[in-house]
């Protein structure tokens, strides 16, 4: 029987994944189906039906996003699951952690889960992507270390741009957070503008106030005394809450303002997260088997992605040339004198050229592309060989 696979972002900092949604699903599966699923570490969200990680693959089906994923697990037939360990040594499986809840409790659990994923998700995203020191010291290096070429050059910035839109909608993106320093890449450098100390202090106070309100609300949800939200058995809301708290506690941010607030003022949330984690990984026999996606780092995969990136860049330039917008944009940038945009545009051109040359040279080296001489060149070579043989004779 084919096993159940959960595809997630790779793990780091003693966490199963660097993505809080992926960590929530891992905790859920560890509590519901211990030893009966496998983790596949992915760095290609485009493999998911929704274009986002995590997603489940089982019996030829791929399921995503999270609501569909949890619904699929709740309707899962346990006879279709395969385990690496002896069934007698594993805890009994439960396809849904909410089976012991009443109808009213299930409705409350859904509301709390939405609240946690929204409000706590904003706090986690702020710590990872909005804070300049946290992003450039911890988040970006972690993403770069696990991404293959050429994704490591542009995927971290793309993820941060998506989180920027989310945090701006929640009024949590700190526009004045950038400090005066030069961020250098392989091809060009970008000077970042300095934010005022007053603006940064105001942003910090606003973050602390919002975090305390959220933590205070969630503290009323956790009963304490080594109990879960709805009694002695963990539920889905326990896994989701614990995943967000563990993220804040484990990631070694240089500016750990949220971790400090939790440890000093909200020990109940910390003890609850540790309780859920210890229940999920209570024995070595229940630890999931982790597989790494090696296709993303193979030479042929890198060649294909580099070639696609180069072709996409050339196609974009040609389309803009046909529409007559390329020269307008170039002329407008010269008039505005925006030095930052010019550096970014110059760096992109250099990257496209080097990516194309690298793909072509790699293809020639491994023999994917062969240089076939023309007929005239072949005849010329044959004549030269005949003349050399006559001289030797």
Protein backbone atom coordinates (compact mmCIF):
# COMPACT_ATOMS: atom_id res chain seq x y z
CA UNK A 1 0.00 0.00 0.00
CA UNK A 2 1.51 3.40 -0.94
CA UNK A 3 2.27 5.57 2.10
CA UNK A 4 0.85 8.96 2.94
CA UNK A 5 3.29 11.75 2.02
CA UNK A 6 3.22 15.27 3.43
CA UNK A 7 5.26 17.74 1.36
CA UNK A 8 6.62 20.64 3.42
CA UNK A 9 9.37 23.24 3.49
CA UNK A 10 12.58 21.79 5.01
CA UNK A 11 13.21 21.99 8.71
CA UNK A 12 15.63 24.14 10.68
CA UNK A 13 16.24 25.41 14.23
CA UNK A 14 15.07 22.06 15.71
CA UNK A 15 11.70 22.54 13.98
CA UNK A 16 10.21 20.18 11.43
CA UNK A 17 9.76 23.03 8.93
CA UNK A 18 10.64 26.71 8.49
CA UNK A 19 7.00 27.40 7.58
CA UNK A 20 4.45 27.68 10.35
CA UNK A 21 1.61 26.14 8.29
CA UNK A 22 3.81 23.14 7.47
CA UNK A 23 4.75 22.76 11.13
CA UNK A 24 1.05 22.82 12.10
CA UNK A 25 0.30 19.94 9.73
CA UNK A 26 3.28 17.91 10.98
CA UNK A 27 2.13 18.30 14.60
CA UNK A 28 -1.41 17.36 13.58
CA UNK A 29 -0.25 14.20 11.78
CA UNK A 30 2.07 13.27 14.64
CA UNK A 31 -0.84 13.49 17.05
CA UNK A 32 -3.39 11.79 14.78
CA UNK A 33 -1.40 9.30 12.66
CA UNK A 34 1.97 8.74 14.37
CA UNK A 35 4.34 6.57 12.36
CA UNK A 36 1.91 6.27 9.46
CA UNK A 37 3.09 9.04 7.16
CA UNK A 38 6.28 10.28 5.58
CA UNK A 39 7.66 13.79 5.26
CA UNK A 40 9.02 14.99 1.94
CA UNK A 41 11.06 18.18 2.19
CA UNK A 42 10.28 20.37 -0.82
CA UNK A 43 11.52 23.72 -2.07
CA UNK A 44 9.19 23.85 -5.11
CA UNK A 45 5.71 25.10 -4.14
CA UNK A 46 4.67 24.93 -7.80
CA UNK A 47 4.32 21.15 -7.36
CA UNK A 48 1.33 21.75 -5.10
CA UNK A 49 -2.19 21.98 -6.61
CA UNK A 50 -2.62 25.38 -4.94
CA UNK A 51 0.95 26.55 -5.58
CA UNK A 52 1.66 26.56 -1.83
CA UNK A 53 3.19 24.20 0.69
CA UNK A 54 2.17 22.05 2.47
CA UNK A 55 0.27 19.49 0.44
CA UNK A 56 -0.51 15.78 0.76
CA UNK A 57 0.02 13.11 -1.86
CA UNK A 58 -1.74 9.79 -1.34
CA UNK A 59 -3.14 7.14 -3.68
CA UNK A 60 -2.36 9.24 -6.73
CA UNK A 61 -4.04 12.36 -5.31
CA UNK A 62 -2.49 15.68 -4.31
CA UNK A 63 -4.47 17.71 -1.79
CA UNK A 64 -4.02 21.38 -0.87
CA UNK A 65 -4.60 24.01 0.63
CA UNK A 66 -5.02 23.51 4.39
CA UNK A 67 -8.85 23.33 4.62
CA UNK A 68 -8.97 20.68 1.88
CA UNK A 69 -6.01 18.90 3.45
CA UNK A 70 -7.68 18.61 6.86
CA UNK A 71 -10.96 17.52 5.26
CA UNK A 72 -9.14 14.79 3.32
CA UNK A 73 -7.47 13.50 6.47
CA UNK A 74 -10.79 13.45 8.33
CA UNK A 75 -12.32 11.23 5.63
CA UNK A 76 -9.28 8.99 5.26
CA UNK A 77 -9.65 5.21 5.30
CA UNK A 78 -7.16 3.87 7.85
CA UNK A 79 -6.76 0.63 5.90
CA UNK A 80 -5.05 2.61 3.11
CA UNK A 81 -2.22 3.75 5.40
CA UNK A 82 1.16 2.08 5.54
CA UNK A 83 3.55 2.28 8.50
CA UNK A 84 7.28 1.74 8.84
CA UNK A 85 6.95 0.32 12.38
CA UNK A 86 5.01 -2.56 13.87
CA UNK A 87 1.39 -1.52 14.40
CA UNK A 88 1.46 -2.90 17.94
CA UNK A 89 4.19 -0.45 18.98
CA UNK A 90 2.36 2.60 17.60
CA UNK A 91 -0.38 4.61 19.33
CA UNK A 92 -3.87 4.08 17.90
CA UNK A 93 -4.54 6.25 14.83
CA UNK A 94 -7.17 8.97 14.59
CA UNK A 95 -7.93 10.52 11.22
CA UNK A 96 -9.39 13.59 12.95
CA UNK A 97 -8.32 15.13 16.24
CA UNK A 98 -11.74 16.77 16.63
CA UNK A 99 -13.90 13.62 16.75
CA UNK A 100 -14.33 13.93 20.52
CA UNK A 101 -15.68 17.49 20.25
CA UNK A 102 -19.34 18.44 20.28
CA UNK A 103 -20.89 20.45 17.46
CA UNK A 104 -20.58 23.68 19.46
CA UNK A 105 -16.97 22.93 20.34
CA UNK A 106 -16.14 22.21 16.68
CA UNK A 107 -17.55 25.59 15.69
CA UNK A 108 -15.55 27.29 18.44
CA UNK A 109 -12.43 25.39 17.40
CA UNK A 110 -12.78 26.58 13.82
CA UNK A 111 -13.18 30.18 14.95
CA UNK A 112 -10.13 29.97 17.20
CA UNK A 113 -8.06 28.35 14.43
CA UNK A 114 -8.91 31.18 12.03
CA UNK A 115 -8.01 33.72 14.71
CA UNK A 116 -4.66 32.05 15.44
CA UNK A 117 -3.69 31.64 11.79
CA UNK A 118 -4.55 35.28 11.14
CA UNK A 119 -3.31 37.16 14.22
CA UNK A 120 -0.48 34.87 15.32
CA UNK A 121 0.42 34.36 11.68
CA UNK A 122 0.90 38.12 11.36
CA UNK A 123 3.23 38.13 14.37
CA UNK A 124 5.32 35.29 12.97
CA UNK A 125 5.47 36.89 9.53
CA UNK A 126 6.50 40.21 11.09
CA UNK A 127 9.36 38.58 12.99
CA UNK A 128 10.62 36.73 9.94
CA UNK A 129 10.16 39.26 7.14
CA UNK A 130 9.37 42.76 8.38
CA UNK A 131 12.16 43.14 10.92
CA UNK A 132 15.26 44.08 8.93
CA UNK A 133 17.75 42.51 11.35
CA UNK A 134 15.75 39.28 11.67
CA UNK A 135 15.28 38.87 7.93
CA UNK A 136 18.87 39.49 6.82
CA UNK A 137 20.46 37.66 9.76
CA UNK A 138 18.22 34.61 10.08
CA UNK A 139 15.36 34.22 7.59
CA UNK A 140 17.10 34.96 4.31
CA UNK A 141 20.25 32.90 5.05
CA UNK A 142 18.04 29.96 6.03
CA UNK A 143 16.09 30.14 2.76
CA UNK A 144 19.25 30.56 0.69
CA UNK A 145 20.87 27.52 2.33
CA UNK A 146 18.06 25.18 1.27
CA UNK A 147 17.18 26.55 -2.18
CA UNK A 148 18.96 25.33 -5.32
CA UNK A 149 20.33 27.57 -8.04
CA UNK A 150 19.00 29.86 -9.38
CA UNK A 151 16.03 30.09 -6.96
CA UNK A 152 18.22 31.17 -4.07
CA UNK A 153 18.83 34.51 -5.81
CA UNK A 154 15.19 35.55 -6.17
CA UNK A 155 12.83 33.30 -4.18
CA UNK A 156 13.60 34.82 -0.72
CA UNK A 157 12.86 38.29 -2.05
CA UNK A 158 9.67 37.06 -3.71
CA UNK A 159 8.45 35.45 -0.47
CA UNK A 160 9.22 38.62 1.44
CA UNK A 161 7.30 40.69 -1.12
CA UNK A 162 4.22 38.48 -0.61
CA UNK A 163 4.49 38.83 3.16
CA UNK A 164 4.90 42.60 2.77
CA UNK A 165 1.46 42.88 1.17
CA UNK A 166 -0.07 40.76 3.93
CA UNK A 167 1.53 42.78 6.73
CA UNK A 168 0.69 46.11 5.15
CA UNK A 169 -2.96 45.07 5.14
CA UNK A 170 -2.65 44.36 8.86
CA UNK A 171 -0.69 47.62 9.44
CA UNK A 172 2.32 45.62 10.64
CA UNK A 173 4.89 46.31 7.93
CA UNK A 174 7.50 48.63 9.36
CA UNK A 175 8.36 51.08 6.60
CA UNK A 176 11.07 52.75 8.68
CA UNK A 177 12.71 49.53 9.83
CA UNK A 178 15.46 49.51 7.19
CA UNK A 179 18.76 50.62 8.66
CA UNK A 180 21.54 52.44 6.88
CA UNK A 181 23.66 49.73 5.38
CA UNK A 182 24.61 48.29 2.03
CA UNK A 183 23.19 44.92 1.06
CA UNK A 184 25.47 43.30 -1.48
CA UNK A 185 24.59 40.48 -3.82
CA UNK A 186 26.77 38.64 -6.26
CA UNK A 187 26.25 41.13 -9.07
CA UNK A 188 25.30 44.50 -7.65
CA UNK A 189 24.80 46.44 -4.44
CA UNK A 190 21.77 48.31 -3.19
CA UNK A 191 21.94 51.09 -0.61
CA UNK A 192 19.08 51.03 1.87
CA UNK A 193 17.59 54.20 3.26
CA UNK A 194 17.74 54.97 6.94
CA UNK A 195 14.58 55.12 9.03
CA UNK A 196 14.27 57.61 11.86
CA UNK A 197 14.80 56.42 15.40
CA UNK A 198 11.40 57.84 16.35
CA UNK A 199 9.62 55.84 13.67
CA UNK A 200 11.39 52.63 14.69
CA UNK A 201 10.55 53.19 18.36
CA UNK A 202 6.91 53.82 17.45
CA UNK A 203 6.81 50.61 15.37
CA UNK A 204 8.25 48.59 18.23
CA UNK A 205 5.77 49.91 20.78
CA UNK A 206 2.89 49.21 18.41
CA UNK A 207 4.14 45.64 17.89
CA UNK A 208 4.49 45.03 21.63
CA UNK A 209 1.00 46.33 22.31
CA UNK A 210 -0.57 44.21 19.59
CA UNK A 211 1.36 41.09 20.63
CA UNK A 212 0.32 41.46 24.27
CA UNK A 213 -3.35 41.78 23.28
CA UNK A 214 -3.15 38.62 21.15
CA UNK A 215 -1.26 36.62 23.78
CA UNK A 216 -3.67 37.75 26.49
CA UNK A 217 -6.65 36.58 24.43
CA UNK A 218 -5.09 33.19 23.72
CA UNK A 219 -4.06 32.68 27.34
CA UNK A 220 -7.75 32.45 28.22
CA UNK A 221 -8.07 29.57 25.75
CA UNK A 222 -5.44 27.37 27.42
CA UNK A 223 -6.68 25.73 30.68
CA UNK A 224 -3.25 24.80 32.06
CA UNK A 225 -2.57 21.89 34.47
CA UNK A 226 -1.12 19.79 31.63
CA UNK A 227 -4.46 19.86 29.82
CA UNK A 228 -5.29 20.70 26.26
CA UNK A 229 -7.85 23.20 25.02
CA UNK A 230 -10.73 20.68 25.04
CA UNK A 231 -9.75 18.26 27.76
CA UNK A 232 -7.20 15.49 28.01
CA UNK A 233 -6.93 14.84 24.27
CA UNK A 234 -5.31 17.30 21.84
CA UNK A 235 -7.35 18.81 19.01
CA UNK A 236 -6.53 20.65 15.80
CA UNK A 237 -6.54 24.04 17.53
CA UNK A 238 -3.88 22.74 19.95
CA UNK A 239 -1.58 21.82 17.07
CA UNK A 240 -2.07 25.16 15.29
CA UNK A 241 -1.51 27.23 18.44
CA UNK A 242 1.55 25.23 19.48
CA UNK A 243 3.12 25.56 16.03
CA UNK A 244 2.99 29.38 16.18
CA UNK A 245 4.33 29.51 19.74
CA UNK A 246 7.16 27.08 18.96
CA UNK A 247 8.14 29.20 15.97
CA UNK A 248 8.58 32.25 18.17
CA UNK A 249 10.49 30.29 20.81
CA UNK A 250 12.88 28.32 18.58
CA UNK A 251 14.03 30.72 15.87
CA UNK A 252 17.20 32.53 17.04
CA UNK A 253 16.22 36.06 16.05
CA UNK A 254 18.67 38.85 16.95
CA UNK A 255 15.63 40.93 17.97
CA UNK A 256 13.56 38.43 20.02
CA UNK A 257 10.93 40.87 21.26
CA UNK A 258 8.02 38.39 20.94
CA UNK A 259 9.97 35.57 22.61
CA UNK A 260 10.82 37.86 25.52
CA UNK A 261 7.16 38.79 25.99
CA UNK A 262 6.09 35.14 25.97
CA UNK A 263 8.70 33.95 28.44
CA UNK A 264 8.22 36.85 30.87
CA UNK A 265 4.46 37.37 30.79
CA UNK A 266 2.71 34.33 29.27
CA UNK A 267 4.28 31.11 30.60
CA UNK A 268 0.96 29.28 30.17
CA UNK A 269 1.21 29.54 26.37
CA UNK A 270 4.81 28.33 26.51
CA UNK A 271 3.97 25.30 28.67
CA UNK A 272 1.05 24.42 26.39
CA UNK A 273 3.24 24.48 23.29
CA UNK A 274 5.85 22.28 24.98
CA UNK A 275 3.10 19.89 26.10
CA UNK A 276 1.78 19.50 22.55
CA UNK A 277 5.29 18.99 21.17
CA UNK A 278 6.17 16.36 23.77
CA UNK A 279 2.91 14.49 23.12
CA UNK A 280 3.51 14.58 19.37
CA UNK A 281 7.08 13.27 19.62
CA UNK A 282 6.68 11.16 22.74
CA UNK A 283 8.81 8.25 21.49
CA UNK A 284 11.41 7.56 18.84
CA UNK A 285 9.16 5.00 17.14
CA UNK A 286 6.66 7.72 16.22
CA UNK A 287 9.14 10.10 14.58
CA UNK A 288 8.28 10.51 10.89
CA UNK A 289 10.54 9.31 8.13
CA UNK A 290 11.94 12.30 6.27
CA UNK A 291 12.73 12.21 2.57
CA UNK A 292 14.51 15.04 0.78
CA UNK A 293 13.64 16.09 -2.73
CA UNK A 294 16.98 15.60 -4.49
CA UNK A 295 15.54 16.42 -7.92
CA UNK A 296 15.65 20.10 -7.14
CA UNK A 297 19.43 20.01 -6.68
CA UNK A 298 20.40 17.75 -9.59
CA UNK A 299 22.45 19.16 -12.43
CA UNK A 300 19.80 18.50 -15.06
CA UNK A 301 17.10 20.13 -12.92
CA UNK A 302 19.29 23.19 -12.41
CA UNK A 303 19.95 23.32 -16.16
CA UNK A 304 16.25 23.17 -17.00
CA UNK A 305 15.31 25.86 -14.49
CA UNK A 306 18.16 28.14 -15.53
CA UNK A 307 17.20 27.76 -19.19
CA UNK A 308 13.54 28.43 -18.42
CA UNK A 309 14.48 31.53 -16.45
CA UNK A 310 16.64 32.83 -19.28
CA UNK A 311 13.98 32.07 -21.91
CA UNK A 312 11.34 33.76 -19.75
CA UNK A 313 13.49 36.86 -19.44
CA UNK A 314 14.12 37.02 -23.19
CA UNK A 315 10.41 36.50 -23.89
CA UNK A 316 9.50 39.31 -21.49
CA UNK A 317 11.95 41.70 -23.16
CA UNK A 318 10.68 40.83 -26.65
CA UNK A 319 7.06 41.31 -25.62
CA UNK A 320 7.81 44.69 -24.13
CA UNK A 321 9.73 45.67 -27.25
CA UNK A 322 6.76 44.73 -29.43
CA UNK A 323 4.41 46.73 -27.18
CA UNK A 324 6.75 49.71 -27.19
CA UNK A 325 6.88 49.86 -23.38
CA UNK A 326 10.53 48.97 -22.88
CA UNK A 327 11.94 52.23 -24.22
CA UNK A 328 9.28 54.24 -22.39
CA UNK A 329 10.22 52.64 -19.09
CA UNK A 330 13.92 53.13 -19.74
CA UNK A 331 13.40 56.79 -20.66
CA UNK A 332 11.19 57.34 -17.61
CA UNK A 333 13.80 55.83 -15.30
CA UNK A 334 16.45 58.12 -16.72
CA UNK A 335 14.22 61.15 -16.15
CA UNK A 336 13.42 60.22 -12.56
CA UNK A 337 17.06 59.46 -11.84
CA UNK A 338 16.09 56.55 -9.58
CA UNK A 339 19.49 55.01 -8.96
CA UNK A 340 18.04 52.03 -7.10
CA UNK A 341 15.82 50.95 -10.00
CA UNK A 342 18.70 51.32 -12.43
CA UNK A 343 20.93 49.10 -10.31
CA UNK A 344 18.23 46.46 -9.97
CA UNK A 345 17.54 46.51 -13.71
CA UNK A 346 21.25 46.26 -14.49
CA UNK A 347 21.63 43.36 -12.09
CA UNK A 348 18.73 41.51 -13.68
CA UNK A 349 20.26 41.89 -17.14
CA UNK A 350 23.57 40.52 -15.89
CA UNK A 351 21.79 37.63 -14.21
CA UNK A 352 19.84 36.67 -17.36
CA UNK A 353 23.00 36.72 -19.44
CA UNK A 354 25.01 34.64 -16.96
CA UNK A 355 22.13 32.18 -16.46
CA UNK A 356 21.89 31.65 -20.22
CA UNK A 357 25.64 31.24 -20.65
CA UNK A 358 25.81 28.87 -17.69
CA UNK A 359 22.97 26.74 -19.04
CA UNK A 360 24.54 26.59 -22.49
CA UNK A 361 28.00 25.71 -21.17
CA UNK A 362 26.59 23.05 -18.88
CA UNK A 363 24.61 21.51 -21.74
CA UNK A 364 27.73 21.45 -23.92
CA UNK A 365 29.86 19.95 -21.12
CA UNK A 366 27.54 17.04 -20.32
CA UNK A 367 26.89 16.34 -23.99
CA UNK A 368 23.29 17.51 -24.19
CA UNK A 369 24.33 19.83 -27.03
CA UNK A 370 26.82 18.83 -29.70
CA UNK A 371 28.51 21.04 -32.26
CA UNK A 372 28.02 19.49 -35.72
CA UNK A 373 30.38 20.83 -38.39
CA UNK A 374 28.99 21.97 -41.72
CA UNK A 375 29.61 20.05 -44.93
CA UNK A 376 32.17 22.60 -46.13
CA UNK A 377 34.07 22.38 -42.87
CA UNK A 378 34.06 18.61 -42.99
CA UNK A 379 35.35 18.59 -46.60
CA UNK A 380 38.05 21.10 -45.68
CA UNK A 381 39.11 18.88 -42.77
CA UNK A 382 39.28 15.80 -45.05
CA UNK A 383 41.46 17.68 -47.61
CA UNK A 384 43.83 18.81 -44.85
CA UNK A 385 44.11 15.24 -43.58
CA UNK A 386 44.90 13.96 -47.10
CA UNK A 387 47.59 16.62 -47.61
CA UNK A 388 49.18 15.77 -44.26
CA UNK A 389 49.20 12.07 -45.13
CA UNK A 390 50.90 12.78 -48.50
CA UNK A 391 53.58 14.86 -46.78
CA UNK A 392 54.24 12.03 -44.37
CA UNK A 393 54.52 9.52 -47.25
